[in-house]
Amino acid sequence: VGAYFPHRVTYHPTCHSLRMLGVG
């Protein structure tokens, strides 16, 4: 999407997004 963010990040998949919506 043309983003720039020069940092170390970690991602938490929230329950509803992961289980209810299945965003994968």
mmCIF file of all heavy atoms, coordinates in Angstrom:
data_MODEL
# 
_entry.id   MODEL 
# 
loop_
_atom_site.group_PDB 
_atom_site.id 
_atom_site.type_symbol 
_atom_site.label_atom_id 
_atom_site.label_alt_id 
_atom_site.label_comp_id 
_atom_site.label_asym_id 
_atom_site.label_entity_id 
_atom_site.label_seq_id 
_atom_site.pdbx_PDB_ins_code 
_atom_site.Cartn_x 
_atom_site.Cartn_y 
_atom_site.Cartn_z 
_atom_site.occupancy 
_atom_site.B_iso_or_equiv 
_atom_site.pdbx_formal_charge 
_atom_site.auth_seq_id 
_atom_site.auth_comp_id 
_atom_site.auth_asym_id 
_atom_site.auth_atom_id 
_atom_site.pdbx_PDB_model_num 
ATOM 1   N N   . VAL A 1 1  ? 0.823   -1.216  0.000  1.00 0.00 ? 1  VAL A N   1 
ATOM 2   C CA  . VAL A 1 1  ? 0.000   0.000   0.000  1.00 0.00 ? 1  VAL A CA  1 
ATOM 3   C C   . VAL A 1 1  ? 0.854   1.261   0.000  1.00 0.00 ? 1  VAL A C   1 
ATOM 4   O O   . VAL A 1 1  ? 0.356   2.362   0.215  1.00 0.00 ? 1  VAL A O   1 
ATOM 5   C CB  . VAL A 1 1  ? -0.964  0.011   1.203  1.00 0.00 ? 1  VAL A CB  1 
ATOM 6   C CG1 . VAL A 1 1  ? -1.922  -1.169  1.143  1.00 0.00 ? 1  VAL A CG1 1 
ATOM 7   C CG2 . VAL A 1 1  ? -0.187  0.014   2.530  1.00 0.00 ? 1  VAL A CG2 1 
ATOM 8   N N   . GLY A 1 2  ? 2.167   1.089   -0.222 1.00 0.00 ? 2  GLY A N   1 
ATOM 9   C CA  . GLY A 1 2  ? 3.049   2.246   -0.279 1.00 0.00 ? 2  GLY A CA  1 
ATOM 10  C C   . GLY A 1 2  ? 3.462   2.774   1.076  1.00 0.00 ? 2  GLY A C   1 
ATOM 11  O O   . GLY A 1 2  ? 3.834   3.944   1.209  1.00 0.00 ? 2  GLY A O   1 
ATOM 12  N N   . ALA A 1 3  ? 3.417   1.917   2.095  1.00 0.00 ? 3  ALA A N   1 
ATOM 13  C CA  . ALA A 1 3  ? 3.748   2.356   3.453  1.00 0.00 ? 3  ALA A CA  1 
ATOM 14  C C   . ALA A 1 3  ? 5.243   2.261   3.732  1.00 0.00 ? 3  ALA A C   1 
ATOM 15  O O   . ALA A 1 3  ? 5.968   1.479   3.109  1.00 0.00 ? 3  ALA A O   1 
ATOM 16  C CB  . ALA A 1 3  ? 2.981   1.515   4.472  1.00 0.00 ? 3  ALA A CB  1 
ATOM 17  N N   . TYR A 1 4  ? 5.677   3.064   4.693  1.00 0.00 ? 4  TYR A N   1 
ATOM 18  C CA  . TYR A 1 4  ? 7.070   3.080   5.134  1.00 0.00 ? 4  TYR A CA  1 
ATOM 19  C C   . TYR A 1 4  ? 7.072   3.199   6.652  1.00 0.00 ? 4  TYR A C   1 
ATOM 20  O O   . TYR A 1 4  ? 6.507   4.141   7.212  1.00 0.00 ? 4  TYR A O   1 
ATOM 21  C CB  . TYR A 1 4  ? 7.800   4.267   4.516  1.00 0.00 ? 4  TYR A CB  1 
ATOM 22  C CG  . TYR A 1 4  ? 9.214   4.483   5.041  1.00 0.00 ? 4  TYR A CG  1 
ATOM 23  C CD1 . TYR A 1 4  ? 10.262  3.673   4.623  1.00 0.00 ? 4  TYR A CD1 1 
ATOM 24  C CD2 . TYR A 1 4  ? 9.495   5.531   5.927  1.00 0.00 ? 4  TYR A CD2 1 
ATOM 25  C CE1 . TYR A 1 4  ? 11.544  3.871   5.095  1.00 0.00 ? 4  TYR A CE1 1 
ATOM 26  C CE2 . TYR A 1 4  ? 10.781  5.738   6.405  1.00 0.00 ? 4  TYR A CE2 1 
ATOM 27  C CZ  . TYR A 1 4  ? 11.809  4.912   5.988  1.00 0.00 ? 4  TYR A CZ  1 
ATOM 28  O OH  . TYR A 1 4  ? 13.082  5.115   6.454  1.00 0.00 ? 4  TYR A OH  1 
ATOM 29  N N   . PHE A 1 5  ? 7.682   2.222   7.331  1.00 0.00 ? 5  PHE A N   1 
ATOM 30  C CA  . PHE A 1 5  ? 7.695   2.214   8.792  1.00 0.00 ? 5  PHE A CA  1 
ATOM 31  C C   . PHE A 1 5  ? 8.938   1.466   9.241  1.00 0.00 ? 5  PHE A C   1 
ATOM 32  O O   . PHE A 1 5  ? 8.926   0.247   9.417  1.00 0.00 ? 5  PHE A O   1 
ATOM 33  C CB  . PHE A 1 5  ? 6.434   1.535   9.331  1.00 0.00 ? 5  PHE A CB  1 
ATOM 34  C CG  . PHE A 1 5  ? 6.206   1.742   10.801 1.00 0.00 ? 5  PHE A CG  1 
ATOM 35  C CD1 . PHE A 1 5  ? 5.741   2.953   11.294 1.00 0.00 ? 5  PHE A CD1 1 
ATOM 36  C CD2 . PHE A 1 5  ? 6.453   0.711   11.703 1.00 0.00 ? 5  PHE A CD2 1 
ATOM 37  C CE1 . PHE A 1 5  ? 5.531   3.141   12.652 1.00 0.00 ? 5  PHE A CE1 1 
ATOM 38  C CE2 . PHE A 1 5  ? 6.244   0.878   13.064 1.00 0.00 ? 5  PHE A CE2 1 
ATOM 39  C CZ  . PHE A 1 5  ? 5.779   2.107   13.539 1.00 0.00 ? 5  PHE A CZ  1 
ATOM 40  N N   . PRO A 1 6  ? 10.062  2.171   9.425  1.00 0.00 ? 6  PRO A N   1 
ATOM 41  C CA  . PRO A 1 6  ? 11.348  1.511   9.715  1.00 0.00 ? 6  PRO A CA  1 
ATOM 42  C C   . PRO A 1 6  ? 11.513  1.108   11.181 1.00 0.00 ? 6  PRO A C   1 
ATOM 43  O O   . PRO A 1 6  ? 12.317  1.660   11.914 1.00 0.00 ? 6  PRO A O   1 
ATOM 44  C CB  . PRO A 1 6  ? 12.362  2.586   9.317  1.00 0.00 ? 6  PRO A CB  1 
ATOM 45  C CG  . PRO A 1 6  ? 11.658  3.872   9.628  1.00 0.00 ? 6  PRO A CG  1 
ATOM 46  C CD  . PRO A 1 6  ? 10.213  3.631   9.312  1.00 0.00 ? 6  PRO A CD  1 
ATOM 47  N N   . HIS A 1 7  ? 10.725  0.109   11.595 1.00 0.00 ? 7  HIS A N   1 
ATOM 48  C CA  . HIS A 1 7  ? 10.775  -0.341  12.987 1.00 0.00 ? 7  HIS A CA  1 
ATOM 49  C C   . HIS A 1 7  ? 10.561  -1.849  13.064 1.00 0.00 ? 7  HIS A C   1 
ATOM 50  O O   . HIS A 1 7  ? 10.041  -2.465  12.136 1.00 0.00 ? 7  HIS A O   1 
ATOM 51  C CB  . HIS A 1 7  ? 9.698   0.375   13.820 1.00 0.00 ? 7  HIS A CB  1 
ATOM 52  C CG  . HIS A 1 7  ? 9.857   1.859   13.876 1.00 0.00 ? 7  HIS A CG  1 
ATOM 53  N ND1 . HIS A 1 7  ? 10.777  2.489   14.681 1.00 0.00 ? 7  HIS A ND1 1 
ATOM 54  C CD2 . HIS A 1 7  ? 9.213   2.841   13.182 1.00 0.00 ? 7  HIS A CD2 1 
ATOM 55  C CE1 . HIS A 1 7  ? 10.697  3.794   14.506 1.00 0.00 ? 7  HIS A CE1 1 
ATOM 56  N NE2 . HIS A 1 7  ? 9.761   4.032   13.610 1.00 0.00 ? 7  HIS A NE2 1 
ATOM 57  N N   . ARG A 1 8  ? 10.941  -2.417  14.204 1.00 0.00 ? 8  ARG A N   1 
ATOM 58  C CA  . ARG A 1 8  ? 10.701  -3.829  14.477 1.00 0.00 ? 8  ARG A CA  1 
ATOM 59  C C   . ARG A 1 8  ? 9.316   -3.972  15.098 1.00 0.00 ? 8  ARG A C   1 
ATOM 60  O O   . ARG A 1 8  ? 9.038   -3.360  16.142 1.00 0.00 ? 8  ARG A O   1 
ATOM 61  C CB  . ARG A 1 8  ? 11.763  -4.398  15.420 1.00 0.00 ? 8  ARG A CB  1 
ATOM 62  C CG  . ARG A 1 8  ? 13.194  -4.274  14.922 1.00 0.00 ? 8  ARG A CG  1 
ATOM 63  C CD  . ARG A 1 8  ? 14.180  -4.994  15.835 1.00 0.00 ? 8  ARG A CD  1 
ATOM 64  N NE  . ARG A 1 8  ? 14.011  -4.632  17.238 1.00 0.00 ? 8  ARG A NE  1 
ATOM 65  C CZ  . ARG A 1 8  ? 14.512  -3.543  17.802 1.00 0.00 ? 8  ARG A CZ  1 
ATOM 66  N NH1 . ARG A 1 8  ? 15.220  -2.675  17.076 1.00 0.00 ? 8  ARG A NH1 1 
ATOM 67  N NH2 . ARG A 1 8  ? 14.322  -3.294  19.084 1.00 0.00 ? 8  ARG A NH2 1 
ATOM 68  N N   . VAL A 1 9  ? 8.467   -4.777  14.477 1.00 0.00 ? 9  VAL A N   1 
ATOM 69  C CA  . VAL A 1 9  ? 7.114   -4.938  14.991 1.00 0.00 ? 9  VAL A CA  1 
ATOM 70  C C   . VAL A 1 9  ? 6.772   -6.413  15.123 1.00 0.00 ? 9  VAL A C   1 
ATOM 71  O O   . VAL A 1 9  ? 7.366   -7.270  14.468 1.00 0.00 ? 9  VAL A O   1 
ATOM 72  C CB  . VAL A 1 9  ? 6.063   -4.242  14.093 1.00 0.00 ? 9  VAL A CB  1 
ATOM 73  C CG1 . VAL A 1 9  ? 6.463   -2.809  13.775 1.00 0.00 ? 9  VAL A CG1 1 
ATOM 74  C CG2 . VAL A 1 9  ? 5.850   -5.019  12.800 1.00 0.00 ? 9  VAL A CG2 1 
ATOM 75  N N   . THR A 1 10 ? 5.805   -6.687  15.982 1.00 0.00 ? 10 THR A N   1 
ATOM 76  C CA  . THR A 1 10 ? 5.254   -8.025  16.094 1.00 0.00 ? 10 THR A CA  1 
ATOM 77  C C   . THR A 1 10 ? 3.738   -7.895  16.034 1.00 0.00 ? 10 THR A C   1 
ATOM 78  O O   . THR A 1 10 ? 3.175   -6.894  16.472 1.00 0.00 ? 10 THR A O   1 
ATOM 79  C CB  . THR A 1 10 ? 5.718   -8.736  17.381 1.00 0.00 ? 10 THR A CB  1 
ATOM 80  O OG1 . THR A 1 10 ? 5.385   -10.127 17.310 1.00 0.00 ? 10 THR A OG1 1 
ATOM 81  C CG2 . THR A 1 10 ? 5.109   -8.119  18.631 1.00 0.00 ? 10 THR A CG2 1 
ATOM 82  N N   . TYR A 1 11 ? 3.084   -8.899  15.470 1.00 0.00 ? 11 TYR A N   1 
ATOM 83  C CA  . TYR A 1 11 ? 1.650   -8.811  15.198 1.00 0.00 ? 11 TYR A CA  1 
ATOM 84  C C   . TYR A 1 11 ? 0.855   -9.783  16.060 1.00 0.00 ? 11 TYR A C   1 
ATOM 85  O O   . TYR A 1 11 ? 1.164   -10.983 16.130 1.00 0.00 ? 11 TYR A O   1 
ATOM 86  C CB  . TYR A 1 11 ? 1.384   -9.100  13.714 1.00 0.00 ? 11 TYR A CB  1 
ATOM 87  C CG  . TYR A 1 11 ? -0.076  -9.233  13.384 1.00 0.00 ? 11 TYR A CG  1 
ATOM 88  C CD1 . TYR A 1 11 ? -0.907  -8.116  13.342 1.00 0.00 ? 11 TYR A CD1 1 
ATOM 89  C CD2 . TYR A 1 11 ? -0.636  -10.484 13.119 1.00 0.00 ? 11 TYR A CD2 1 
ATOM 90  C CE1 . TYR A 1 11 ? -2.257  -8.236  13.054 1.00 0.00 ? 11 TYR A CE1 1 
ATOM 91  C CE2 . TYR A 1 11 ? -1.988  -10.618 12.822 1.00 0.00 ? 11 TYR A CE2 1 
ATOM 92  C CZ  . TYR A 1 11 ? -2.791  -9.491  12.792 1.00 0.00 ? 11 TYR A CZ  1 
ATOM 93  O OH  . TYR A 1 11 ? -4.126  -9.623  12.514 1.00 0.00 ? 11 TYR A OH  1 
ATOM 94  N N   . HIS A 1 12 ? -0.193  -9.264  16.704 1.00 0.00 ? 12 HIS A N   1 
ATOM 95  C CA  . HIS A 1 12 ? -1.117  -10.100 17.478 1.00 0.00 ? 12 HIS A CA  1 
ATOM 96  C C   . HIS A 1 12 ? -2.411  -10.283 16.700 1.00 0.00 ? 12 HIS A C   1 
ATOM 97  O O   . HIS A 1 12 ? -3.134  -9.315  16.456 1.00 0.00 ? 12 HIS A O   1 
ATOM 98  C CB  . HIS A 1 12 ? -1.426  -9.444  18.828 1.00 0.00 ? 12 HIS A CB  1 
ATOM 99  C CG  . HIS A 1 12 ? -2.615  -10.054 19.530 1.00 0.00 ? 12 HIS A CG  1 
ATOM 100 N ND1 . HIS A 1 12 ? -2.654  -11.390 19.868 1.00 0.00 ? 12 HIS A ND1 1 
ATOM 101 C CD2 . HIS A 1 12 ? -3.800  -9.506  19.942 1.00 0.00 ? 12 HIS A CD2 1 
ATOM 102 C CE1 . HIS A 1 12 ? -3.822  -11.641 20.475 1.00 0.00 ? 12 HIS A CE1 1 
ATOM 103 N NE2 . HIS A 1 12 ? -4.527  -10.525 20.512 1.00 0.00 ? 12 HIS A NE2 1 
ATOM 104 N N   . PRO A 1 13 ? -2.742  -11.520 16.276 1.00 0.00 ? 13 PRO A N   1 
ATOM 105 C CA  . PRO A 1 13 ? -4.003  -11.766 15.570 1.00 0.00 ? 13 PRO A CA  1 
ATOM 106 C C   . PRO A 1 13 ? -5.148  -11.866 16.572 1.00 0.00 ? 13 PRO A C   1 
ATOM 107 O O   . PRO A 1 13 ? -5.221  -12.814 17.350 1.00 0.00 ? 13 PRO A O   1 
ATOM 108 C CB  . PRO A 1 13 ? -3.753  -13.107 14.862 1.00 0.00 ? 13 PRO A CB  1 
ATOM 109 C CG  . PRO A 1 13 ? -2.752  -13.805 15.727 1.00 0.00 ? 13 PRO A CG  1 
ATOM 110 C CD  . PRO A 1 13 ? -1.911  -12.731 16.381 1.00 0.00 ? 13 PRO A CD  1 
ATOM 111 N N   . THR A 1 14 ? -6.016  -10.893 16.582 1.00 0.00 ? 14 THR A N   1 
ATOM 112 C CA  . THR A 1 14 ? -7.098  -10.868 17.564 1.00 0.00 ? 14 THR A CA  1 
ATOM 113 C C   . THR A 1 14 ? -8.091  -12.002 17.320 1.00 0.00 ? 14 THR A C   1 
ATOM 114 O O   . THR A 1 14 ? -8.252  -12.474 16.198 1.00 0.00 ? 14 THR A O   1 
ATOM 115 C CB  . THR A 1 14 ? -7.830  -9.517  17.528 1.00 0.00 ? 14 THR A CB  1 
ATOM 116 O OG1 . THR A 1 14 ? -8.445  -9.344  16.259 1.00 0.00 ? 14 THR A OG1 1 
ATOM 117 C CG2 . THR A 1 14 ? -6.844  -8.372  17.755 1.00 0.00 ? 14 THR A CG2 1 
ATOM 118 N N   . CYS A 1 15 ? -8.772  -12.407 18.370 1.00 0.00 ? 15 CYS A N   1 
ATOM 119 C CA  . CYS A 1 15 ? -9.613  -13.606 18.306 1.00 0.00 ? 15 CYS A CA  1 
ATOM 120 C C   . CYS A 1 15 ? -10.701 -13.520 17.246 1.00 0.00 ? 15 CYS A C   1 
ATOM 121 O O   . CYS A 1 15 ? -10.906 -14.461 16.471 1.00 0.00 ? 15 CYS A O   1 
ATOM 122 C CB  . CYS A 1 15 ? -10.251 -13.864 19.670 1.00 0.00 ? 15 CYS A CB  1 
ATOM 123 S SG  . CYS A 1 15 ? -9.093  -14.452 20.923 1.00 0.00 ? 15 CYS A SG  1 
ATOM 124 N N   . HIS A 1 16 ? -11.447 -12.423 17.229 1.00 0.00 ? 16 HIS A N   1 
ATOM 125 C CA  . HIS A 1 16 ? -12.549 -12.333 16.270 1.00 0.00 ? 16 HIS A CA  1 
ATOM 126 C C   . HIS A 1 16 ? -12.056 -12.272 14.831 1.00 0.00 ? 16 HIS A C   1 
ATOM 127 O O   . HIS A 1 16 ? -12.678 -12.846 13.928 1.00 0.00 ? 16 HIS A O   1 
ATOM 128 C CB  . HIS A 1 16 ? -13.424 -11.116 16.589 1.00 0.00 ? 16 HIS A CB  1 
ATOM 129 C CG  . HIS A 1 16 ? -14.360 -11.362 17.725 1.00 0.00 ? 16 HIS A CG  1 
ATOM 130 N ND1 . HIS A 1 16 ? -15.177 -10.394 18.244 1.00 0.00 ? 16 HIS A ND1 1 
ATOM 131 C CD2 . HIS A 1 16 ? -14.603 -12.480 18.458 1.00 0.00 ? 16 HIS A CD2 1 
ATOM 132 C CE1 . HIS A 1 16 ? -15.900 -10.905 19.238 1.00 0.00 ? 16 HIS A CE1 1 
ATOM 133 N NE2 . HIS A 1 16 ? -15.554 -12.169 19.380 1.00 0.00 ? 16 HIS A NE2 1 
ATOM 134 N N   . SER A 1 17 ? -10.956 -11.578 14.606 1.00 0.00 ? 17 SER A N   1 
ATOM 135 C CA  . SER A 1 17 ? -10.428 -11.526 13.242 1.00 0.00 ? 17 SER A CA  1 
ATOM 136 C C   . SER A 1 17 ? -9.911  -12.896 12.814 1.00 0.00 ? 17 SER A C   1 
ATOM 137 O O   . SER A 1 17 ? -10.088 -13.303 11.662 1.00 0.00 ? 17 SER A O   1 
ATOM 138 C CB  . SER A 1 17 ? -9.318  -10.476 13.123 1.00 0.00 ? 17 SER A CB  1 
ATOM 139 O OG  . SER A 1 17 ? -8.191  -10.844 13.894 1.00 0.00 ? 17 SER A OG  1 
ATOM 140 N N   . LEU A 1 18 ? -9.312  -13.599 13.745 1.00 0.00 ? 18 LEU A N   1 
ATOM 141 C CA  . LEU A 1 18 ? -8.717  -14.899 13.425 1.00 0.00 ? 18 LEU A CA  1 
ATOM 142 C C   . LEU A 1 18 ? -9.766  -15.995 13.309 1.00 0.00 ? 18 LEU A C   1 
ATOM 143 O O   . LEU A 1 18 ? -9.761  -16.780 12.352 1.00 0.00 ? 18 LEU A O   1 
ATOM 144 C CB  . LEU A 1 18 ? -7.701  -15.266 14.512 1.00 0.00 ? 18 LEU A CB  1 
ATOM 145 C CG  . LEU A 1 18 ? -6.887  -16.537 14.303 1.00 0.00 ? 18 LEU A CG  1 
ATOM 146 C CD1 . LEU A 1 18 ? -5.950  -16.374 13.122 1.00 0.00 ? 18 LEU A CD1 1 
ATOM 147 C CD2 . LEU A 1 18 ? -6.090  -16.862 15.570 1.00 0.00 ? 18 LEU A CD2 1 
ATOM 148 N N   . ARG A 1 19 ? -10.694 -16.035 14.282 1.00 0.00 ? 19 ARG A N   1 
ATOM 149 C CA  . ARG A 1 19 ? -11.624 -17.161 14.361 1.00 0.00 ? 19 ARG A CA  1 
ATOM 150 C C   . ARG A 1 19 ? -12.991 -16.867 13.746 1.00 0.00 ? 19 ARG A C   1 
ATOM 151 O O   . ARG A 1 19 ? -13.567 -17.719 13.080 1.00 0.00 ? 19 ARG A O   1 
ATOM 152 C CB  . ARG A 1 19 ? -11.793 -17.573 15.830 1.00 0.00 ? 19 ARG A CB  1 
ATOM 153 C CG  . ARG A 1 19 ? -10.487 -18.073 16.445 1.00 0.00 ? 19 ARG A CG  1 
ATOM 154 C CD  . ARG A 1 19 ? -10.604 -18.342 17.933 1.00 0.00 ? 19 ARG A CD  1 
ATOM 155 N NE  . ARG A 1 19 ? -9.386  -18.932 18.446 1.00 0.00 ? 19 ARG A NE  1 
ATOM 156 C CZ  . ARG A 1 19 ? -8.329  -18.240 18.858 1.00 0.00 ? 19 ARG A CZ  1 
ATOM 157 N NH1 . ARG A 1 19 ? -8.354  -16.907 18.812 1.00 0.00 ? 19 ARG A NH1 1 
ATOM 158 N NH2 . ARG A 1 19 ? -7.253  -18.843 19.317 1.00 0.00 ? 19 ARG A NH2 1 
ATOM 159 N N   . MET A 1 20 ? -13.531 -15.688 13.981 1.00 0.00 ? 20 MET A N   1 
ATOM 160 C CA  . MET A 1 20 ? -14.862 -15.373 13.465 1.00 0.00 ? 20 MET A CA  1 
ATOM 161 C C   . MET A 1 20 ? -14.827 -14.965 11.996 1.00 0.00 ? 20 MET A C   1 
ATOM 162 O O   . MET A 1 20 ? -15.678 -15.366 11.203 1.00 0.00 ? 20 MET A O   1 
ATOM 163 C CB  . MET A 1 20 ? -15.513 -14.272 14.298 1.00 0.00 ? 20 MET A CB  1 
ATOM 164 C CG  . MET A 1 20 ? -16.942 -13.958 13.895 1.00 0.00 ? 20 MET A CG  1 
ATOM 165 S SD  . MET A 1 20 ? -17.712 -12.691 14.948 1.00 0.00 ? 20 MET A SD  1 
ATOM 166 C CE  . MET A 1 20 ? -18.075 -13.660 16.416 1.00 0.00 ? 20 MET A CE  1 
ATOM 167 N N   . LEU A 1 21 ? -13.824 -14.155 11.624 1.00 0.00 ? 21 LEU A N   1 
ATOM 168 C CA  . LEU A 1 21 ? -13.739 -13.678 10.248 1.00 0.00 ? 21 LEU A CA  1 
ATOM 169 C C   . LEU A 1 21 ? -12.810 -14.520 9.385  1.00 0.00 ? 21 LEU A C   1 
ATOM 170 O O   . LEU A 1 21 ? -12.941 -14.537 8.165  1.00 0.00 ? 21 LEU A O   1 
ATOM 171 C CB  . LEU A 1 21 ? -13.256 -12.219 10.229 1.00 0.00 ? 21 LEU A CB  1 
ATOM 172 C CG  . LEU A 1 21 ? -14.165 -11.195 10.893 1.00 0.00 ? 21 LEU A CG  1 
ATOM 173 C CD1 . LEU A 1 21 ? -13.564 -9.801  10.754 1.00 0.00 ? 21 LEU A CD1 1 
ATOM 174 C CD2 . LEU A 1 21 ? -15.563 -11.228 10.308 1.00 0.00 ? 21 LEU A CD2 1 
ATOM 175 N N   . GLY A 1 22 ? -11.829 -15.161 9.989  1.00 0.00 ? 22 GLY A N   1 
ATOM 176 C CA  . GLY A 1 22 ? -10.899 -15.970 9.216  1.00 0.00 ? 22 GLY A CA  1 
ATOM 177 C C   . GLY A 1 22 ? -9.991  -15.146 8.321  1.00 0.00 ? 22 GLY A C   1 
ATOM 178 O O   . GLY A 1 22 ? -9.762  -15.522 7.168  1.00 0.00 ? 22 GLY A O   1 
ATOM 179 N N   . VAL A 1 23 ? -9.466  -14.022 8.835  1.00 0.00 ? 23 VAL A N   1 
ATOM 180 C CA  . VAL A 1 23 ? -8.627  -13.163 7.986  1.00 0.00 ? 23 VAL A CA  1 
ATOM 181 C C   . VAL A 1 23 ? -7.286  -13.806 7.655  1.00 0.00 ? 23 VAL A C   1 
ATOM 182 O O   . VAL A 1 23 ? -6.587  -13.370 6.733  1.00 0.00 ? 23 VAL A O   1 
ATOM 183 C CB  . VAL A 1 23 ? -8.388  -11.775 8.636  1.00 0.00 ? 23 VAL A CB  1 
ATOM 184 C CG1 . VAL A 1 23 ? -9.694  -11.056 8.884  1.00 0.00 ? 23 VAL A CG1 1 
ATOM 185 C CG2 . VAL A 1 23 ? -7.570  -11.893 9.919  1.00 0.00 ? 23 VAL A CG2 1 
ATOM 186 N N   . GLY A 1 24 ? -6.911  -14.842 8.390  1.00 0.00 ? 24 GLY A N   1 
ATOM 187 C CA  . GLY A 1 24 ? -5.685  -15.565 8.065  1.00 0.00 ? 24 GLY A CA  1 
ATOM 188 C C   . GLY A 1 24 ? -4.455  -14.694 8.082  1.00 0.00 ? 24 GLY A C   1 
ATOM 189 O O   . GLY A 1 24 ? -4.235  -13.916 9.007  1.00 0.00 ? 24 GLY A O   1 
# 
